Amino acid sequence: MELPLRHPAAYVSLYAPYGRRRLWWFAFVCPACSYGHFGRVRDEDSAEGLRRAGCGRLVWLVVARTYRGQASEVAA
């Protein structure tokens, strides 16, 4: 028997720091309320995990894609 998920998963787009901005930004569509929410984290690794969305519900964040900008190794 499989246990049900305790908190719904939200797939996050993660944006690297750019210019004077020192924090990573993330954006996602909340599976509970269907609205977009935003957040900030200090480093790339701390974006995943359990968080409270802007609507007040707990969601499990999973990084789906990461945008690193023009100075990244991928873009070169």
PDB file of N, CA and C in Angstrom:
ATOM      1  N   MET A   1       0.847  -1.187   0.000  1.00  0.00           N
ATOM      2  CA  MET A   1       0.000   0.000   0.000  1.00  0.00           C
ATOM      3  C   MET A   1       0.887   1.243   0.000  1.00  0.00           C
ATOM      4  N   GLU A   2       0.600   2.167  -0.904  1.00  0.00           N
ATOM      5  CA  GLU A   2       1.367   3.406  -1.007  1.00  0.00           C
ATOM      6  C   GLU A   2       0.733   4.481  -0.136  1.00  0.00           C
ATOM      7  N   LEU A   3       1.568   5.195   0.595  1.00  0.00           N
ATOM      8  CA  LEU A   3       1.063   6.278   1.427  1.00  0.00           C
ATOM      9  C   LEU A   3       0.790   7.513   0.579  1.00  0.00           C
ATOM     10  N   PRO A   4      -0.288   8.254   0.833  1.00  0.00           N
ATOM     11  CA  PRO A   4      -0.551   9.480   0.077  1.00  0.00           C
ATOM     12  C   PRO A   4       0.436  10.574   0.464  1.00  0.00           C
ATOM     13  N   LEU A   5       0.668  11.476  -0.474  1.00  0.00           N
ATOM     14  CA  LEU A   5       1.547  12.608  -0.175  1.00  0.00           C
ATOM     15  C   LEU A   5       0.905  13.486   0.884  1.00  0.00           C
ATOM     16  N   ARG A   6       1.714  13.897   1.810  1.00  0.00           N
ATOM     17  CA  ARG A   6       1.189  14.726   2.887  1.00  0.00           C
ATOM     18  C   ARG A   6       0.981  16.169   2.427  1.00  0.00           C
ATOM     19  N   HIS A   7       1.901  16.653   1.590  1.00  0.00           N
ATOM     20  CA  HIS A   7       1.813  18.010   1.072  1.00  0.00           C
ATOM     21  C   HIS A   7       1.945  17.962  -0.444  1.00  0.00           C
ATOM     22  N   PRO A   8       1.192  18.772  -1.163  1.00  0.00           N
ATOM     23  CA  PRO A   8       1.290  18.744  -2.628  1.00  0.00           C
ATOM     24  C   PRO A   8       2.631  19.300  -3.111  1.00  0.00           C
ATOM     25  N   ALA A   9       3.083  18.793  -4.253  1.00  0.00           N
ATOM     26  CA  ALA A   9       4.359  19.232  -4.829  1.00  0.00           C
ATOM     27  C   ALA A   9       4.131  20.433  -5.733  1.00  0.00           C
ATOM     28  N   ALA A  10       5.026  21.404  -5.636  1.00  0.00           N
ATOM     29  CA  ALA A  10       5.017  22.581  -6.504  1.00  0.00           C
ATOM     30  C   ALA A  10       6.353  22.622  -7.227  1.00  0.00           C
ATOM     31  N   TYR A  11       6.309  22.735  -8.550  1.00  0.00           N
ATOM     32  CA  TYR A  11       7.521  22.728  -9.360  1.00  0.00           C
ATOM     33  C   TYR A  11       8.000  24.153  -9.584  1.00  0.00           C
ATOM     34  N   VAL A  12       9.248  24.403  -9.210  1.00  0.00           N
ATOM     35  CA  VAL A  12       9.798  25.745  -9.089  1.00  0.00           C
ATOM     36  C   VAL A  12      10.714  26.066 -10.266  1.00  0.00           C
ATOM     37  N   SER A  13      10.638  27.310 -10.751  1.00  0.00           N
ATOM     38  CA  SER A  13      11.645  27.870 -11.647  1.00  0.00           C
ATOM     39  C   SER A  13      12.574  28.717 -10.786  1.00  0.00           C
ATOM     40  N   LEU A  14      13.867  28.422 -10.848  1.00  0.00           N
ATOM     41  CA  LEU A  14      14.850  29.067  -9.988  1.00  0.00           C
ATOM     42  C   LEU A  14      15.719  30.007 -10.820  1.00  0.00           C
ATOM     43  N   TYR A  15      15.882  31.253 -10.358  1.00  0.00           N
ATOM     44  CA  TYR A  15      16.626  32.282 -11.084  1.00  0.00           C
ATOM     45  C   TYR A  15      17.859  32.680 -10.288  1.00  0.00           C
ATOM     46  N   ALA A  16      19.026  32.636 -10.949  1.00  0.00           N
ATOM     47  CA  ALA A  16      20.307  32.946 -10.296  1.00  0.00           C
ATOM     48  C   ALA A  16      20.422  34.443 -10.016  1.00  0.00           C
ATOM     49  N   PRO A  17      21.265  34.799  -9.043  1.00  0.00           N
ATOM     50  CA  PRO A  17      21.527  36.219  -8.785  1.00  0.00           C
ATOM     51  C   PRO A  17      22.103  36.898 -10.027  1.00  0.00           C
ATOM     52  N   TYR A  18      21.723  38.142 -10.229  1.00  0.00           N
ATOM     53  CA  TYR A  18      22.185  38.878 -11.400  1.00  0.00           C
ATOM     54  C   TYR A  18      22.307  40.351 -11.035  1.00  0.00           C
ATOM     55  N   GLY A  19      23.373  40.977 -11.468  1.00  0.00           N
ATOM     56  CA  GLY A  19      23.579  42.394 -11.169  1.00  0.00           C
ATOM     57  C   GLY A  19      23.821  42.608  -9.687  1.00  0.00           C
ATOM     58  N   ARG A  20      23.081  43.513  -9.101  1.00  0.00           N
ATOM     59  CA  ARG A  20      23.230  43.791  -7.673  1.00  0.00           C
ATOM     60  C   ARG A  20      22.440  42.829  -6.797  1.00  0.00           C
ATOM     61  N   ARG A  21      21.606  42.026  -7.402  1.00  0.00           N
ATOM     62  CA  ARG A  21      20.781  41.077  -6.644  1.00  0.00           C
ATOM     63  C   ARG A  21      21.649  39.924  -6.154  1.00  0.00           C
ATOM     64  N   ARG A  22      21.645  39.654  -4.861  1.00  0.00           N
ATOM     65  CA  ARG A  22      22.507  38.635  -4.260  1.00  0.00           C
ATOM     66  C   ARG A  22      21.776  37.343  -3.910  1.00  0.00           C
ATOM     67  N   LEU A  23      20.460  37.326  -3.996  1.00  0.00           N
ATOM     68  CA  LEU A  23      19.686  36.149  -3.621  1.00  0.00           C
ATOM     69  C   LEU A  23      19.154  35.430  -4.855  1.00  0.00           C
ATOM     70  N   TRP A  24      18.930  34.140  -4.710  1.00  0.00           N
ATOM     71  CA  TRP A  24      18.265  33.356  -5.750  1.00  0.00           C
ATOM     72  C   TRP A  24      16.768  33.581  -5.615  1.00  0.00           C
ATOM     73  N   TRP A  25      16.079  33.767  -6.722  1.00  0.00           N
ATOM     74  CA  TRP A  25      14.625  33.926  -6.723  1.00  0.00           C
ATOM     75  C   TRP A  25      13.997  32.667  -7.261  1.00  0.00           C
ATOM     76  N   PHE A  26      12.805  32.341  -6.770  1.00  0.00           N
ATOM     77  CA  PHE A  26      12.064  31.229  -7.346  1.00  0.00           C
ATOM     78  C   PHE A  26      10.602  31.619  -7.522  1.00  0.00           C
ATOM     79  N   ALA A  27       9.975  30.985  -8.505  1.00  0.00           N
ATOM     80  CA  ALA A  27       8.569  31.240  -8.815  1.00  0.00           C
ATOM     81  C   ALA A  27       7.893  29.897  -9.064  1.00  0.00           C
ATOM     82  N   PHE A  28       6.637  29.792  -8.622  1.00  0.00           N
ATOM     83  CA  PHE A  28       5.886  28.559  -8.844  1.00  0.00           C
ATOM     84  C   PHE A  28       4.393  28.849  -8.821  1.00  0.00           C
ATOM     85  N   VAL A  29       3.646  27.941  -9.417  1.00  0.00           N
ATOM     86  CA  VAL A  29       2.186  27.979  -9.366  1.00  0.00           C
ATOM     87  C   VAL A  29       1.766  27.040  -8.251  1.00  0.00           C
ATOM     88  N   CYS A  30       1.026  27.547  -7.312  1.00  0.00           N
ATOM     89  CA  CYS A  30       0.615  26.776  -6.137  1.00  0.00           C
ATOM     90  C   CYS A  30      -0.401  25.706  -6.537  1.00  0.00           C
ATOM     91  N   PRO A  31      -0.170  24.452  -6.155  1.00  0.00           N
ATOM     92  CA  PRO A  31      -1.136  23.405  -6.481  1.00  0.00           C
ATOM     93  C   PRO A  31      -2.419  23.507  -5.660  1.00  0.00           C
ATOM     94  N   ALA A  32      -2.400  24.255  -4.569  1.00  0.00           N
ATOM     95  CA  ALA A  32      -3.575  24.379  -3.718  1.00  0.00           C
ATOM     96  C   ALA A  32      -4.520  25.490  -4.178  1.00  0.00           C
ATOM     97  N   CYS A  33      -3.963  26.652  -4.541  1.00  0.00           N
ATOM     98  CA  CYS A  33      -4.816  27.795  -4.882  1.00  0.00           C
ATOM     99  C   CYS A  33      -4.725  28.208  -6.346  1.00  0.00           C
ATOM    100  N   SER A  34      -3.793  27.635  -7.106  1.00  0.00           N
ATOM    101  CA  SER A  34      -3.588  27.898  -8.541  1.00  0.00           C
ATOM    102  C   SER A  34      -3.096  29.310  -8.854  1.00  0.00           C
ATOM    103  N   TYR A  35      -2.540  30.008  -7.896  1.00  0.00           N
ATOM    104  CA  TYR A  35      -1.956  31.317  -8.130  1.00  0.00           C
ATOM    105  C   TYR A  35      -0.434  31.206  -8.123  1.00  0.00           C
ATOM    106  N   GLY A  36       0.234  32.190  -8.708  1.00  0.00           N
ATOM    107  CA  GLY A  36       1.684  32.215  -8.721  1.00  0.00           C
ATOM    108  C   GLY A  36       2.227  32.807  -7.439  1.00  0.00           C
ATOM    109  N   HIS A  37       3.286  32.213  -6.931  1.00  0.00           N
ATOM    110  CA  HIS A  37       3.949  32.700  -5.725  1.00  0.00           C
ATOM    111  C   HIS A  37       5.438  32.832  -6.013  1.00  0.00           C
ATOM    112  N   PHE A  38       6.094  33.699  -5.261  1.00  0.00           N
ATOM    113  CA  PHE A  38       7.507  33.972  -5.436  1.00  0.00           C
ATOM    114  C   PHE A  38       8.211  33.860  -4.095  1.00  0.00           C
ATOM    115  N   GLY A  39       9.521  33.654  -4.149  1.00  0.00           N
ATOM    116  CA  GLY A  39      10.298  33.589  -2.924  1.00  0.00           C
ATOM    117  C   GLY A  39      11.760  33.817  -3.220  1.00  0.00           C
ATOM    118  N   ARG A  40      12.563  33.894  -2.157  1.00  0.00           N
ATOM    119  CA  ARG A  40      14.002  34.109  -2.281  1.00  0.00           C
ATOM    120  C   ARG A  40      14.719  33.153  -1.337  1.00  0.00           C
ATOM    121  N   VAL A  41      15.898  32.706  -1.774  1.00  0.00           N
ATOM    122  CA  VAL A  41      16.759  31.875  -0.933  1.00  0.00           C
ATOM    123  C   VAL A  41      18.195  32.363  -1.093  1.00  0.00           C
ATOM    124  N   ARG A  42      19.037  32.069  -0.122  1.00  0.00           N
ATOM    125  CA  ARG A  42      20.427  32.528  -0.157  1.00  0.00           C
ATOM    126  C   ARG A  42      21.294  31.700  -1.102  1.00  0.00           C
ATOM    127  N   ASP A  43      21.037  30.393  -1.181  1.00  0.00           N
ATOM    128  CA  ASP A  43      21.835  29.558  -2.075  1.00  0.00           C
ATOM    129  C   ASP A  43      20.931  28.596  -2.837  1.00  0.00           C
ATOM    130  N   GLU A  44      21.469  28.053  -3.903  1.00  0.00           N
ATOM    131  CA  GLU A  44      20.702  27.224  -4.830  1.00  0.00           C
ATOM    132  C   GLU A  44      20.168  25.951  -4.169  1.00  0.00           C
ATOM    133  N   ASP A  45      20.922  25.381  -3.263  1.00  0.00           N
ATOM    134  CA  ASP A  45      20.550  24.106  -2.651  1.00  0.00           C
ATOM    135  C   ASP A  45      19.379  24.215  -1.681  1.00  0.00           C
ATOM    136  N   SER A  46      19.124  25.384  -1.139  1.00  0.00           N
ATOM    137  CA  SER A  46      18.061  25.520  -0.145  1.00  0.00           C
ATOM    138  C   SER A  46      16.702  25.835  -0.763  1.00  0.00           C
ATOM    139  N   ALA A  47      16.575  25.777  -2.080  1.00  0.00           N
ATOM    140  CA  ALA A  47      15.299  26.081  -2.727  1.00  0.00           C
ATOM    141  C   ALA A  47      14.310  24.931  -2.614  1.00  0.00           C
ATOM    142  N   GLU A  48      14.801  23.700  -2.501  1.00  0.00           N
ATOM    143  CA  GLU A  48      13.900  22.552  -2.415  1.00  0.00           C
ATOM    144  C   GLU A  48      13.516  22.275  -0.979  1.00  0.00           C
ATOM    145  N   GLY A  49      12.349  21.668  -0.819  1.00  0.00           N
ATOM    146  CA  GLY A  49      11.914  21.266   0.515  1.00  0.00           C
ATOM    147  C   GLY A  49      10.543  21.819   0.849  1.00  0.00           C
ATOM    148  N   LEU A  50      10.168  21.654   2.080  1.00  0.00           N
ATOM    149  CA  LEU A  50       8.854  22.066   2.559  1.00  0.00           C
ATOM    150  C   LEU A  50       8.857  23.552   2.896  1.00  0.00           C
ATOM    151  N   ARG A  51       7.906  24.285   2.337  1.00  0.00           N
ATOM    152  CA  ARG A  51       7.768  25.729   2.598  1.00  0.00           C
ATOM    153  C   ARG A  51       6.301  26.105   2.669  1.00  0.00           C
ATOM    154  N   ARG A  52       6.068  27.242   3.267  1.00  0.00           N
ATOM    155  CA  ARG A  52       4.719  27.792   3.296  1.00  0.00           C
ATOM    156  C   ARG A  52       4.573  28.763   2.127  1.00  0.00           C
ATOM    157  N   ALA A  53       3.584  28.536   1.289  1.00  0.00           N
ATOM    158  CA  ALA A  53       3.336  29.397   0.129  1.00  0.00           C
ATOM    159  C   ALA A  53       2.716  30.713   0.590  1.00  0.00           C
ATOM    160  N   GLY A  54       2.622  31.654  -0.315  1.00  0.00           N
ATOM    161  CA  GLY A  54       2.042  32.953   0.007  1.00  0.00           C
ATOM    162  C   GLY A  54       0.583  32.881   0.435  1.00  0.00           C
ATOM    163  N   CYS A  55      -0.119  31.842  -0.002  1.00  0.00           N
ATOM    164  CA  CYS A  55      -1.526  31.674   0.375  1.00  0.00           C
ATOM    165  C   CYS A  55      -1.685  31.040   1.749  1.00  0.00           C
ATOM    166  N   GLY A  56      -0.564  30.604   2.353  1.00  0.00           N
ATOM    167  CA  GLY A  56      -0.616  30.050   3.698  1.00  0.00           C
ATOM    168  C   GLY A  56      -0.570  28.533   3.763  1.00  0.00           C
ATOM    169  N   ARG A  57      -0.584  27.859   2.636  1.00  0.00           N
ATOM    170  CA  ARG A  57      -0.583  26.398   2.636  1.00  0.00           C
ATOM    171  C   ARG A  57       0.839  25.862   2.537  1.00  0.00           C
ATOM    172  N   LEU A  58       1.070  24.700   3.127  1.00  0.00           N
ATOM    173  CA  LEU A  58       2.372  24.059   3.039  1.00  0.00           C
ATOM    174  C   LEU A  58       2.476  23.302   1.723  1.00  0.00           C
ATOM    175  N   VAL A  59       3.580  23.515   1.016  1.00  0.00           N
ATOM    176  CA  VAL A  59       3.825  22.822  -0.248  1.00  0.00           C
ATOM    177  C   VAL A  59       5.261  22.306  -0.246  1.00  0.00           C
ATOM    178  N   TRP A  60       5.482  21.231  -0.985  1.00  0.00           N
ATOM    179  CA  TRP A  60       6.809  20.658  -1.146  1.00  0.00           C
ATOM    180  C   TRP A  60       7.388  21.194  -2.443  1.00  0.00           C
ATOM    181  N   LEU A  61       8.468  21.993  -2.374  1.00  0.00           N
ATOM    182  CA  LEU A  61       9.062  22.607  -3.556  1.00  0.00           C
ATOM    183  C   LEU A  61      10.079  21.671  -4.199  1.00  0.00           C
ATOM    184  N   VAL A  62       9.962  21.522  -5.523  1.00  0.00           N
ATOM    185  CA  VAL A  62      10.879  20.719  -6.321  1.00  0.00           C
ATOM    186  C   VAL A  62      11.370  21.605  -7.459  1.00  0.00           C
ATOM    187  N   VAL A  63      12.694  21.752  -7.603  1.00  0.00           N
ATOM    188  CA  VAL A  63      13.250  22.597  -8.662  1.00  0.00           C
ATOM    189  C   VAL A  63      13.096  21.875  -9.997  1.00  0.00           C
ATOM    190  N   ALA A  64      12.330  22.463 -10.902  1.00  0.00           N
ATOM    191  CA  ALA A  64      12.102  21.877 -12.221  1.00  0.00           C
ATOM    192  C   ALA A  64      13.105  22.412 -13.236  1.00  0.00           C
ATOM    193  N   ARG A  65      13.433  23.693 -13.147  1.00  0.00           N
ATOM    194  CA  ARG A  65      14.395  24.291 -14.078  1.00  0.00           C
ATOM    195  C   ARG A  65      15.125  25.429 -13.373  1.00  0.00           C
ATOM    196  N   THR A  66      16.371  25.633 -13.814  1.00  0.00           N
ATOM    197  CA  THR A  66      17.213  26.671 -13.227  1.00  0.00           C
ATOM    198  C   THR A  66      17.702  27.579 -14.337  1.00  0.00           C
ATOM    199  N   TYR A  67      17.515  28.873 -14.151  1.00  0.00           N
ATOM    200  CA  TYR A  67      17.989  29.874 -15.100  1.00  0.00           C
ATOM    201  C   TYR A  67      19.203  30.555 -14.499  1.00  0.00           C
ATOM    202  N   ARG A  68      20.355  30.419 -15.174  1.00  0.00           N
ATOM    203  CA  ARG A  68      21.600  30.940 -14.639  1.00  0.00           C
ATOM    204  C   ARG A  68      22.071  32.213 -15.325  1.00  0.00           C
ATOM    205  N   GLY A  69      21.458  32.637 -16.392  1.00  0.00           N
ATOM    206  CA  GLY A  69      21.832  33.885 -17.047  1.00  0.00           C
ATOM    207  C   GLY A  69      22.899  33.702 -18.106  1.00  0.00           C
ATOM    208  N   GLN A  70      23.383  34.810 -18.642  1.00  0.00           N
ATOM    209  CA  GLN A  70      24.336  34.787 -19.757  1.00  0.00           C
ATOM    210  C   GLN A  70      25.736  34.403 -19.320  1.00  0.00           C
ATOM    211  N   ALA A  71      26.113  34.612 -18.103  1.00  0.00           N
ATOM    212  CA  ALA A  71      27.473  34.343 -17.640  1.00  0.00           C
ATOM    213  C   ALA A  71      27.678  32.893 -17.207  1.00  0.00           C
ATOM    214  N   SER A  72      26.712  32.017 -17.412  1.00  0.00           N
ATOM    215  CA  SER A  72      26.840  30.641 -16.950  1.00  0.00           C
ATOM    216  C   SER A  72      27.675  29.817 -17.920  1.00  0.00           C
ATOM    217  N   GLU A  73      28.122  28.657 -17.452  1.00  0.00           N
ATOM    218  CA  GLU A  73      28.901  27.753 -18.278  1.00  0.00           C
ATOM    219  C   GLU A  73      28.040  27.120 -19.365  1.00  0.00           C
ATOM    220  N   VAL A  74      26.757  26.948 -19.102  1.00  0.00           N
ATOM    221  CA  VAL A  74      25.849  26.328 -20.057  1.00  0.00           C
ATOM    222  C   VAL A  74      25.667  27.230 -21.277  1.00  0.00           C
ATOM    223  N   ALA A  75      25.578  28.541 -21.052  1.00  0.00           N
ATOM    224  CA  ALA A  75      25.338  29.487 -22.145  1.00  0.00           C
ATOM    225  C   ALA A  75      26.595  29.724 -22.988  1.00  0.00           C
ATOM    226  N   ALA A  76      27.763  29.431 -22.452  1.00  0.00           N
ATOM    227  CA  ALA A  76      29.015  29.696 -23.166  1.00  0.00           C
ATOM    228  C   ALA A  76      29.315  28.685 -24.247  1.00  0.00           C
TER     229      ALA A  76
END
